[in-house]
Amino acid sequence: KKIGCELVGEASNGKEALELIERLHPQIVITDINMPGINGIDLISYIGNKEYKRDCHVIAISAFDDFNYVKWCKRLSAKTSVNN
């Protein structure tokens, strides 16, 4: 609240996240790359799909040390952070 943000939803897997995104239309989505069901890269891709196109920013977070995941997310216009 201090920075003008409100948490509108929280999901434990990619499918649940997608359902919440479709229903709540958030401005920012923070996702892990590795999730059960729909993974973070597929979720980012779906959000950016022209048919679905939501006006939201995506921040992808991962504990993977493989920089290819970061490259994929950047191609999909996500802000990325790799935790080592």
PDB file of N, CA and C in Angstrom:
ATOM      1  N   LYS A   1       0.812  -1.190   0.000  1.00  0.00           N
ATOM      2  CA  LYS A   1       0.000   0.000   0.000  1.00  0.00           C
ATOM      3  C   LYS A   1       0.857   1.255   0.000  1.00  0.00           C
ATOM      4  N   LYS A   2       2.033   1.180   0.588  1.00  0.00           N
ATOM      5  CA  LYS A   2       2.916   2.344   0.642  1.00  0.00           C
ATOM      6  C   LYS A   2       3.320   2.819  -0.750  1.00  0.00           C
ATOM      7  N   ILE A   3       3.407   1.904  -1.694  1.00  0.00           N
ATOM      8  CA  ILE A   3       3.819   2.285  -3.053  1.00  0.00           C
ATOM      9  C   ILE A   3       2.641   2.311  -4.028  1.00  0.00           C
ATOM     10  N   GLY A   4       1.444   2.216  -3.515  1.00  0.00           N
ATOM     11  CA  GLY A   4       0.259   2.322  -4.357  1.00  0.00           C
ATOM     12  C   GLY A   4      -0.168   1.036  -5.023  1.00  0.00           C
ATOM     13  N   CYS A   5       0.247  -0.095  -4.471  1.00  0.00           N
ATOM     14  CA  CYS A   5      -0.139  -1.395  -5.034  1.00  0.00           C
ATOM     15  C   CYS A   5      -1.070  -2.125  -4.067  1.00  0.00           C
ATOM     16  N   GLU A   6      -1.936  -2.931  -4.645  1.00  0.00           N
ATOM     17  CA  GLU A   6      -2.848  -3.749  -3.849  1.00  0.00           C
ATOM     18  C   GLU A   6      -2.769  -5.182  -4.352  1.00  0.00           C
ATOM     19  N   LEU A   7      -2.562  -6.136  -3.451  1.00  0.00           N
ATOM     20  CA  LEU A   7      -2.542  -7.548  -3.811  1.00  0.00           C
ATOM     21  C   LEU A   7      -3.987  -7.982  -4.069  1.00  0.00           C
ATOM     22  N   VAL A   8      -4.267  -8.411  -5.298  1.00  0.00           N
ATOM     23  CA  VAL A   8      -5.641  -8.788  -5.634  1.00  0.00           C
ATOM     24  C   VAL A   8      -5.826 -10.294  -5.755  1.00  0.00           C
ATOM     25  N   GLY A   9      -4.726 -11.050  -5.779  1.00  0.00           N
ATOM     26  CA  GLY A   9      -4.858 -12.498  -5.890  1.00  0.00           C
ATOM     27  C   GLY A   9      -3.535 -13.187  -5.684  1.00  0.00           C
ATOM     28  N   GLU A  10      -3.624 -14.475  -5.354  1.00  0.00           N
ATOM     29  CA  GLU A  10      -2.443 -15.300  -5.146  1.00  0.00           C
ATOM     30  C   GLU A  10      -2.781 -16.712  -5.590  1.00  0.00           C
ATOM     31  N   ALA A  11      -1.886 -17.319  -6.357  1.00  0.00           N
ATOM     32  CA  ALA A  11      -2.140 -18.654  -6.897  1.00  0.00           C
ATOM     33  C   ALA A  11      -1.006 -19.600  -6.521  1.00  0.00           C
ATOM     34  N   SER A  12      -1.337 -20.878  -6.396  1.00  0.00           N
ATOM     35  CA  SER A  12      -0.319 -21.872  -6.055  1.00  0.00           C
ATOM     36  C   SER A  12       0.166 -22.658  -7.273  1.00  0.00           C
ATOM     37  N   ASN A  13      -0.446 -22.419  -8.436  1.00  0.00           N
ATOM     38  CA  ASN A  13       0.008 -23.078  -9.663  1.00  0.00           C
ATOM     39  C   ASN A  13      -0.381 -22.215 -10.871  1.00  0.00           C
ATOM     40  N   GLY A  14       0.143 -22.565 -12.024  1.00  0.00           N
ATOM     41  CA  GLY A  14      -0.079 -21.770 -13.224  1.00  0.00           C
ATOM     42  C   GLY A  14      -1.518 -21.720 -13.698  1.00  0.00           C
ATOM     43  N   LYS A  15      -2.232 -22.825 -13.588  1.00  0.00           N
ATOM     44  CA  LYS A  15      -3.631 -22.852 -14.013  1.00  0.00           C
ATOM     45  C   LYS A  15      -4.471 -21.913 -13.155  1.00  0.00           C
ATOM     46  N   GLU A  16      -4.255 -21.974 -11.859  1.00  0.00           N
ATOM     47  CA  GLU A  16      -4.967 -21.097 -10.937  1.00  0.00           C
ATOM     48  C   GLU A  16      -4.604 -19.630 -11.209  1.00  0.00           C
ATOM     49  N   ALA A  17      -3.334 -19.378 -11.492  1.00  0.00           N
ATOM     50  CA  ALA A  17      -2.887 -18.011 -11.803  1.00  0.00           C
ATOM     51  C   ALA A  17      -3.602 -17.476 -13.041  1.00  0.00           C
ATOM     52  N   LEU A  18      -3.693 -18.293 -14.073  1.00  0.00           N
ATOM     53  CA  LEU A  18      -4.352 -17.878 -15.304  1.00  0.00           C
ATOM     54  C   LEU A  18      -5.824 -17.560 -15.065  1.00  0.00           C
ATOM     55  N   GLU A  19      -6.484 -18.379 -14.273  1.00  0.00           N
ATOM     56  CA  GLU A  19      -7.894 -18.125 -13.945  1.00  0.00           C
ATOM     57  C   GLU A  19      -8.056 -16.797 -13.206  1.00  0.00           C
ATOM     58  N   LEU A  20      -7.151 -16.524 -12.267  1.00  0.00           N
ATOM     59  CA  LEU A  20      -7.215 -15.261 -11.523  1.00  0.00           C
ATOM     60  C   LEU A  20      -6.931 -14.067 -12.434  1.00  0.00           C
ATOM     61  N   ILE A  21      -5.958 -14.207 -13.318  1.00  0.00           N
ATOM     62  CA  ILE A  21      -5.622 -13.129 -14.245  1.00  0.00           C
ATOM     63  C   ILE A  21      -6.813 -12.811 -15.139  1.00  0.00           C
ATOM     64  N   GLU A  22      -7.474 -13.842 -15.645  1.00  0.00           N
ATOM     65  CA  GLU A  22      -8.634 -13.641 -16.516  1.00  0.00           C
ATOM     66  C   GLU A  22      -9.782 -12.962 -15.775  1.00  0.00           C
ATOM     67  N   ARG A  23      -9.918 -13.272 -14.496  1.00  0.00           N
ATOM     68  CA  ARG A  23     -11.029 -12.727 -13.717  1.00  0.00           C
ATOM     69  C   ARG A  23     -10.730 -11.352 -13.134  1.00  0.00           C
ATOM     70  N   LEU A  24      -9.491 -11.143 -12.671  1.00  0.00           N
ATOM     71  CA  LEU A  24      -9.158  -9.940 -11.923  1.00  0.00           C
ATOM     72  C   LEU A  24      -8.478  -8.834 -12.734  1.00  0.00           C
ATOM     73  N   HIS A  25      -7.911  -9.187 -13.890  1.00  0.00           N
ATOM     74  CA  HIS A  25      -7.233  -8.222 -14.772  1.00  0.00           C
ATOM     75  C   HIS A  25      -6.205  -7.365 -14.030  1.00  0.00           C
ATOM     76  N   PRO A  26      -5.195  -7.993 -13.418  1.00  0.00           N
ATOM     77  CA  PRO A  26      -4.206  -7.217 -12.664  1.00  0.00           C
ATOM     78  C   PRO A  26      -3.314  -6.376 -13.577  1.00  0.00           C
ATOM     79  N   GLN A  27      -2.717  -5.337 -13.022  1.00  0.00           N
ATOM     80  CA  GLN A  27      -1.782  -4.509 -13.768  1.00  0.00           C
ATOM     81  C   GLN A  27      -0.371  -5.085 -13.736  1.00  0.00           C
ATOM     82  N   ILE A  28      -0.063  -5.857 -12.685  1.00  0.00           N
ATOM     83  CA  ILE A  28       1.251  -6.484 -12.534  1.00  0.00           C
ATOM     84  C   ILE A  28       1.051  -7.946 -12.149  1.00  0.00           C
ATOM     85  N   VAL A  29       1.791  -8.838 -12.803  1.00  0.00           N
ATOM     86  CA  VAL A  29       1.784 -10.260 -12.458  1.00  0.00           C
ATOM     87  C   VAL A  29       3.217 -10.644 -12.107  1.00  0.00           C
ATOM     88  N   ILE A  30       3.396 -11.228 -10.936  1.00  0.00           N
ATOM     89  CA  ILE A  30       4.700 -11.751 -10.523  1.00  0.00           C
ATOM     90  C   ILE A  30       4.581 -13.265 -10.546  1.00  0.00           C
ATOM     91  N   THR A  31       5.438 -13.913 -11.323  1.00  0.00           N
ATOM     92  CA  THR A  31       5.336 -15.364 -11.478  1.00  0.00           C
ATOM     93  C   THR A  31       6.695 -16.034 -11.350  1.00  0.00           C
ATOM     94  N   ASP A  32       6.665 -17.253 -10.881  1.00  0.00           N
ATOM     95  CA  ASP A  32       7.847 -18.108 -10.900  1.00  0.00           C
ATOM     96  C   ASP A  32       7.882 -18.771 -12.269  1.00  0.00           C
ATOM     97  N   ILE A  33       9.057 -19.105 -12.735  1.00  0.00           N
ATOM     98  CA  ILE A  33       9.158 -19.809 -14.015  1.00  0.00           C
ATOM     99  C   ILE A  33       8.744 -21.267 -13.850  1.00  0.00           C
ATOM    100  N   ASN A  34       9.090 -21.869 -12.718  1.00  0.00           N
ATOM    101  CA  ASN A  34       8.791 -23.278 -12.493  1.00  0.00           C
ATOM    102  C   ASN A  34       7.570 -23.415 -11.586  1.00  0.00           C
ATOM    103  N   MET A  35       6.434 -23.758 -12.198  1.00  0.00           N
ATOM    104  CA  MET A  35       5.193 -23.964 -11.442  1.00  0.00           C
ATOM    105  C   MET A  35       4.518 -25.222 -11.948  1.00  0.00           C
ATOM    106  N   PRO A  36       3.728 -25.859 -11.099  1.00  0.00           N
ATOM    107  CA  PRO A  36       2.956 -27.013 -11.562  1.00  0.00           C
ATOM    108  C   PRO A  36       1.879 -26.580 -12.559  1.00  0.00           C
ATOM    109  N   GLY A  37       1.502 -27.478 -13.425  1.00  0.00           N
ATOM    110  CA  GLY A  37       0.467 -27.176 -14.420  1.00  0.00           C
ATOM    111  C   GLY A  37       1.049 -26.332 -15.527  1.00  0.00           C
ATOM    112  N   ILE A  38       0.603 -25.108 -15.639  1.00  0.00           N
ATOM    113  CA  ILE A  38       1.117 -24.171 -16.629  1.00  0.00           C
ATOM    114  C   ILE A  38       2.357 -23.515 -16.036  1.00  0.00           C
ATOM    115  N   ASN A  39       3.514 -23.622 -16.713  1.00  0.00           N
ATOM    116  CA  ASN A  39       4.714 -23.007 -16.151  1.00  0.00           C
ATOM    117  C   ASN A  39       4.719 -21.501 -16.423  1.00  0.00           C
ATOM    118  N   GLY A  40       5.638 -20.803 -15.796  1.00  0.00           N
ATOM    119  CA  GLY A  40       5.696 -19.354 -15.900  1.00  0.00           C
ATOM    120  C   GLY A  40       5.908 -18.847 -17.315  1.00  0.00           C
ATOM    121  N   ILE A  41       6.732 -19.538 -18.100  1.00  0.00           N
ATOM    122  CA  ILE A  41       6.979 -19.108 -19.476  1.00  0.00           C
ATOM    123  C   ILE A  41       5.704 -19.223 -20.297  1.00  0.00           C
ATOM    124  N   ASP A  42       4.966 -20.308 -20.141  1.00  0.00           N
ATOM    125  CA  ASP A  42       3.691 -20.451 -20.856  1.00  0.00           C
ATOM    126  C   ASP A  42       2.674 -19.415 -20.384  1.00  0.00           C
ATOM    127  N   LEU A  43       2.675 -19.109 -19.092  1.00  0.00           N
ATOM    128  CA  LEU A  43       1.774 -18.102 -18.553  1.00  0.00           C
ATOM    129  C   LEU A  43       2.085 -16.729 -19.155  1.00  0.00           C
ATOM    130  N   ILE A  44       3.361 -16.377 -19.199  1.00  0.00           N
ATOM    131  CA  ILE A  44       3.779 -15.099 -19.791  1.00  0.00           C
ATOM    132  C   ILE A  44       3.389 -15.052 -21.263  1.00  0.00           C
ATOM    133  N   SER A  45       3.611 -16.147 -21.953  1.00  0.00           N
ATOM    134  CA  SER A  45       3.265 -16.215 -23.375  1.00  0.00           C
ATOM    135  C   SER A  45       1.771 -16.020 -23.578  1.00  0.00           C
ATOM    136  N   TYR A  46       0.970 -16.633 -22.734  1.00  0.00           N
ATOM    137  CA  TYR A  46      -0.477 -16.511 -22.843  1.00  0.00           C
ATOM    138  C   TYR A  46      -0.932 -15.074 -22.575  1.00  0.00           C
ATOM    139  N   ILE A  47      -0.350 -14.450 -21.556  1.00  0.00           N
ATOM    140  CA  ILE A  47      -0.700 -13.070 -21.229  1.00  0.00           C
ATOM    141  C   ILE A  47      -0.388 -12.149 -22.401  1.00  0.00           C
ATOM    142  N   GLY A  48       0.718 -12.408 -23.093  1.00  0.00           N
ATOM    143  CA  GLY A  48       1.135 -11.570 -24.212  1.00  0.00           C
ATOM    144  C   GLY A  48       0.487 -11.919 -25.536  1.00  0.00           C
ATOM    145  N   ASN A  49      -0.299 -12.988 -25.576  1.00  0.00           N
ATOM    146  CA  ASN A  49      -0.966 -13.424 -26.799  1.00  0.00           C
ATOM    147  C   ASN A  49      -1.894 -12.327 -27.313  1.00  0.00           C
ATOM    148  N   LYS A  50      -1.848 -12.071 -28.605  1.00  0.00           N
ATOM    149  CA  LYS A  50      -2.649 -10.994 -29.191  1.00  0.00           C
ATOM    150  C   LYS A  50      -4.149 -11.167 -28.951  1.00  0.00           C
ATOM    151  N   GLU A  51      -4.628 -12.390 -28.935  1.00  0.00           N
ATOM    152  CA  GLU A  51      -6.061 -12.624 -28.710  1.00  0.00           C
ATOM    153  C   GLU A  51      -6.439 -12.347 -27.254  1.00  0.00           C
ATOM    154  N   TYR A  52      -5.512 -12.577 -26.358  1.00  0.00           N
ATOM    155  CA  TYR A  52      -5.772 -12.423 -24.925  1.00  0.00           C
ATOM    156  C   TYR A  52      -5.361 -11.041 -24.428  1.00  0.00           C
ATOM    157  N   LYS A  53      -4.332 -10.523 -24.991  1.00  0.00           N
ATOM    158  CA  LYS A  53      -3.640  -9.278 -24.632  1.00  0.00           C
ATOM    159  C   LYS A  53      -4.233  -8.480 -23.478  1.00  0.00           C
ATOM    160  N   ARG A  54      -3.620  -8.592 -22.343  1.00  0.00           N
ATOM    161  CA  ARG A  54      -3.990  -7.815 -21.173  1.00  0.00           C
ATOM    162  C   ARG A  54      -2.967  -6.695 -20.997  1.00  0.00           C
ATOM    163  N   ASP A  55      -3.407  -5.582 -20.512  1.00  0.00           N
ATOM    164  CA  ASP A  55      -2.513  -4.466 -20.258  1.00  0.00           C
ATOM    165  C   ASP A  55      -1.904  -4.644 -18.874  1.00  0.00           C
ATOM    166  N   CYS A  56      -0.947  -5.561 -18.778  1.00  0.00           N
ATOM    167  CA  CYS A  56      -0.290  -5.784 -17.503  1.00  0.00           C
ATOM    168  C   CYS A  56       1.190  -6.061 -17.726  1.00  0.00           C
ATOM    169  N   HIS A  57       1.956  -5.802 -16.695  1.00  0.00           N
ATOM    170  CA  HIS A  57       3.387  -6.053 -16.714  1.00  0.00           C
ATOM    171  C   HIS A  57       3.638  -7.377 -16.008  1.00  0.00           C
ATOM    172  N   VAL A  58       4.641  -8.110 -16.487  1.00  0.00           N
ATOM    173  CA  VAL A  58       4.966  -9.399 -15.885  1.00  0.00           C
ATOM    174  C   VAL A  58       6.382  -9.360 -15.345  1.00  0.00           C
ATOM    175  N   ILE A  59       6.521  -9.802 -14.102  1.00  0.00           N
ATOM    176  CA  ILE A  59       7.833  -9.967 -13.484  1.00  0.00           C
ATOM    177  C   ILE A  59       8.014 -11.458 -13.258  1.00  0.00           C
ATOM    178  N   ALA A  60       9.050 -12.046 -13.875  1.00  0.00           N
ATOM    179  CA  ALA A  60       9.321 -13.478 -13.731  1.00  0.00           C
ATOM    180  C   ALA A  60      10.496 -13.662 -12.782  1.00  0.00           C
ATOM    181  N   ILE A  61      10.319 -14.550 -11.815  1.00  0.00           N
ATOM    182  CA  ILE A  61      11.353 -14.831 -10.823  1.00  0.00           C
ATOM    183  C   ILE A  61      11.700 -16.317 -10.901  1.00  0.00           C
ATOM    184  N   SER A  62      13.003 -16.620 -10.784  1.00  0.00           N
ATOM    185  CA  SER A  62      13.399 -18.017 -10.849  1.00  0.00           C
ATOM    186  C   SER A  62      14.647 -18.278 -10.023  1.00  0.00           C
ATOM    187  N   ALA A  63      14.732 -19.479  -9.482  1.00  0.00           N
ATOM    188  CA  ALA A  63      15.945 -19.918  -8.796  1.00  0.00           C
ATOM    189  C   ALA A  63      16.838 -20.701  -9.749  1.00  0.00           C
ATOM    190  N   PHE A  64      16.371 -20.931 -10.983  1.00  0.00           N
ATOM    191  CA  PHE A  64      17.191 -21.630 -11.975  1.00  0.00           C
ATOM    192  C   PHE A  64      18.424 -20.805 -12.301  1.00  0.00           C
ATOM    193  N   ASP A  65      19.554 -21.475 -12.488  1.00  0.00           N
ATOM    194  CA  ASP A  65      20.760 -20.752 -12.873  1.00  0.00           C
ATOM    195  C   ASP A  65      21.002 -20.829 -14.381  1.00  0.00           C
ATOM    196  N   ASP A  66      20.049 -21.342 -15.119  1.00  0.00           N
ATOM    197  CA  ASP A  66      20.146 -21.446 -16.575  1.00  0.00           C
ATOM    198  C   ASP A  66      19.643 -20.142 -17.198  1.00  0.00           C
ATOM    199  N   PHE A  67      20.545 -19.389 -17.802  1.00  0.00           N
ATOM    200  CA  PHE A  67      20.199 -18.081 -18.354  1.00  0.00           C
ATOM    201  C   PHE A  67      19.232 -18.177 -19.527  1.00  0.00           C
ATOM    202  N   ASN A  68      19.052 -19.362 -20.108  1.00  0.00           N
ATOM    203  CA  ASN A  68      18.093 -19.523 -21.212  1.00  0.00           C
ATOM    204  C   ASN A  68      16.671 -19.204 -20.776  1.00  0.00           C
ATOM    205  N   TYR A  69      16.340 -19.496 -19.510  1.00  0.00           N
ATOM    206  CA  TYR A  69      15.014 -19.149 -19.002  1.00  0.00           C
ATOM    207  C   TYR A  69      14.821 -17.638 -19.013  1.00  0.00           C
ATOM    208  N   VAL A  70      15.848 -16.921 -18.613  1.00  0.00           N
ATOM    209  CA  VAL A  70      15.784 -15.460 -18.609  1.00  0.00           C
ATOM    210  C   VAL A  70      15.608 -14.939 -20.026  1.00  0.00           C
ATOM    211  N   LYS A  71      16.354 -15.514 -20.968  1.00  0.00           N
ATOM    212  CA  LYS A  71      16.237 -15.086 -22.374  1.00  0.00           C
ATOM    213  C   LYS A  71      14.814 -15.286 -22.887  1.00  0.00           C
ATOM    214  N   TRP A  72      14.209 -16.433 -22.566  1.00  0.00           N
ATOM    215  CA  TRP A  72      12.834 -16.690 -23.003  1.00  0.00           C
ATOM    216  C   TRP A  72      11.876 -15.652 -22.439  1.00  0.00           C
ATOM    217  N   CYS A  73      12.025 -15.368 -21.169  1.00  0.00           N
ATOM    218  CA  CYS A  73      11.132 -14.397 -20.537  1.00  0.00           C
ATOM    219  C   CYS A  73      11.317 -13.010 -21.134  1.00  0.00           C
ATOM    220  N   LYS A  74      12.540 -12.632 -21.395  1.00  0.00           N
ATOM    221  CA  LYS A  74      12.793 -11.325 -21.993  1.00  0.00           C
ATOM    222  C   LYS A  74      12.186 -11.248 -23.389  1.00  0.00           C
ATOM    223  N   ARG A  75      12.258 -12.329 -24.145  1.00  0.00           N
ATOM    224  CA  ARG A  75      11.625 -12.355 -25.475  1.00  0.00           C
ATOM    225  C   ARG A  75      10.121 -12.143 -25.364  1.00  0.00           C
ATOM    226  N   LEU A  76       9.562 -12.578 -24.261  1.00  0.00           N
ATOM    227  CA  LEU A  76       8.125 -12.428 -24.029  1.00  0.00           C
ATOM    228  C   LEU A  76       7.812 -11.128 -23.286  1.00  0.00           C
ATOM    229  N   SER A  77       8.799 -10.250 -23.180  1.00  0.00           N
ATOM    230  CA  SER A  77       8.659  -8.913 -22.572  1.00  0.00           C
ATOM    231  C   SER A  77       8.436  -8.928 -21.065  1.00  0.00           C
ATOM    232  N   ALA A  78       8.911  -9.939 -20.390  1.00  0.00           N
ATOM    233  CA  ALA A  78       8.797  -9.960 -18.924  1.00  0.00           C
ATOM    234  C   ALA A  78      10.031  -9.323 -18.307  1.00  0.00           C
ATOM    235  N   LYS A  79       9.861  -8.744 -17.149  1.00  0.00           N
ATOM    236  CA  LYS A  79      10.999  -8.287 -16.355  1.00  0.00           C
ATOM    237  C   LYS A  79      11.481  -9.514 -15.610  1.00  0.00           C
ATOM    238  N   THR A  80      12.778  -9.758 -15.608  1.00  0.00           N
ATOM    239  CA  THR A  80      13.273 -11.007 -15.034  1.00  0.00           C
ATOM    240  C   THR A  80      14.274 -10.764 -13.920  1.00  0.00           C
ATOM    241  N   SER A  81      14.309 -11.722 -13.014  1.00  0.00           N
ATOM    242  CA  SER A  81      15.281 -11.707 -11.925  1.00  0.00           C
ATOM    243  C   SER A  81      15.705 -13.148 -11.679  1.00  0.00           C
ATOM    244  N   VAL A  82      16.992 -13.406 -11.726  1.00  0.00           N
ATOM    245  CA  VAL A  82      17.494 -14.746 -11.457  1.00  0.00           C
ATOM    246  C   VAL A  82      18.166 -14.712 -10.098  1.00  0.00           C
ATOM    247  N   ASN A  83      17.646 -15.491  -9.161  1.00  0.00           N
ATOM    248  CA  ASN A  83      18.204 -15.543  -7.808  1.00  0.00           C
ATOM    249  C   ASN A  83      19.242 -16.632  -7.730  1.00  0.00           C
ATOM    250  N   ASN A  84      20.421 -16.297  -7.265  1.00  0.00           N
ATOM    251  CA  ASN A  84      21.494 -17.293  -7.108  1.00  0.00           C
ATOM    252  C   ASN A  84      21.738 -17.565  -5.647  1.00  0.00           C
TER     253      ASN A  84
END
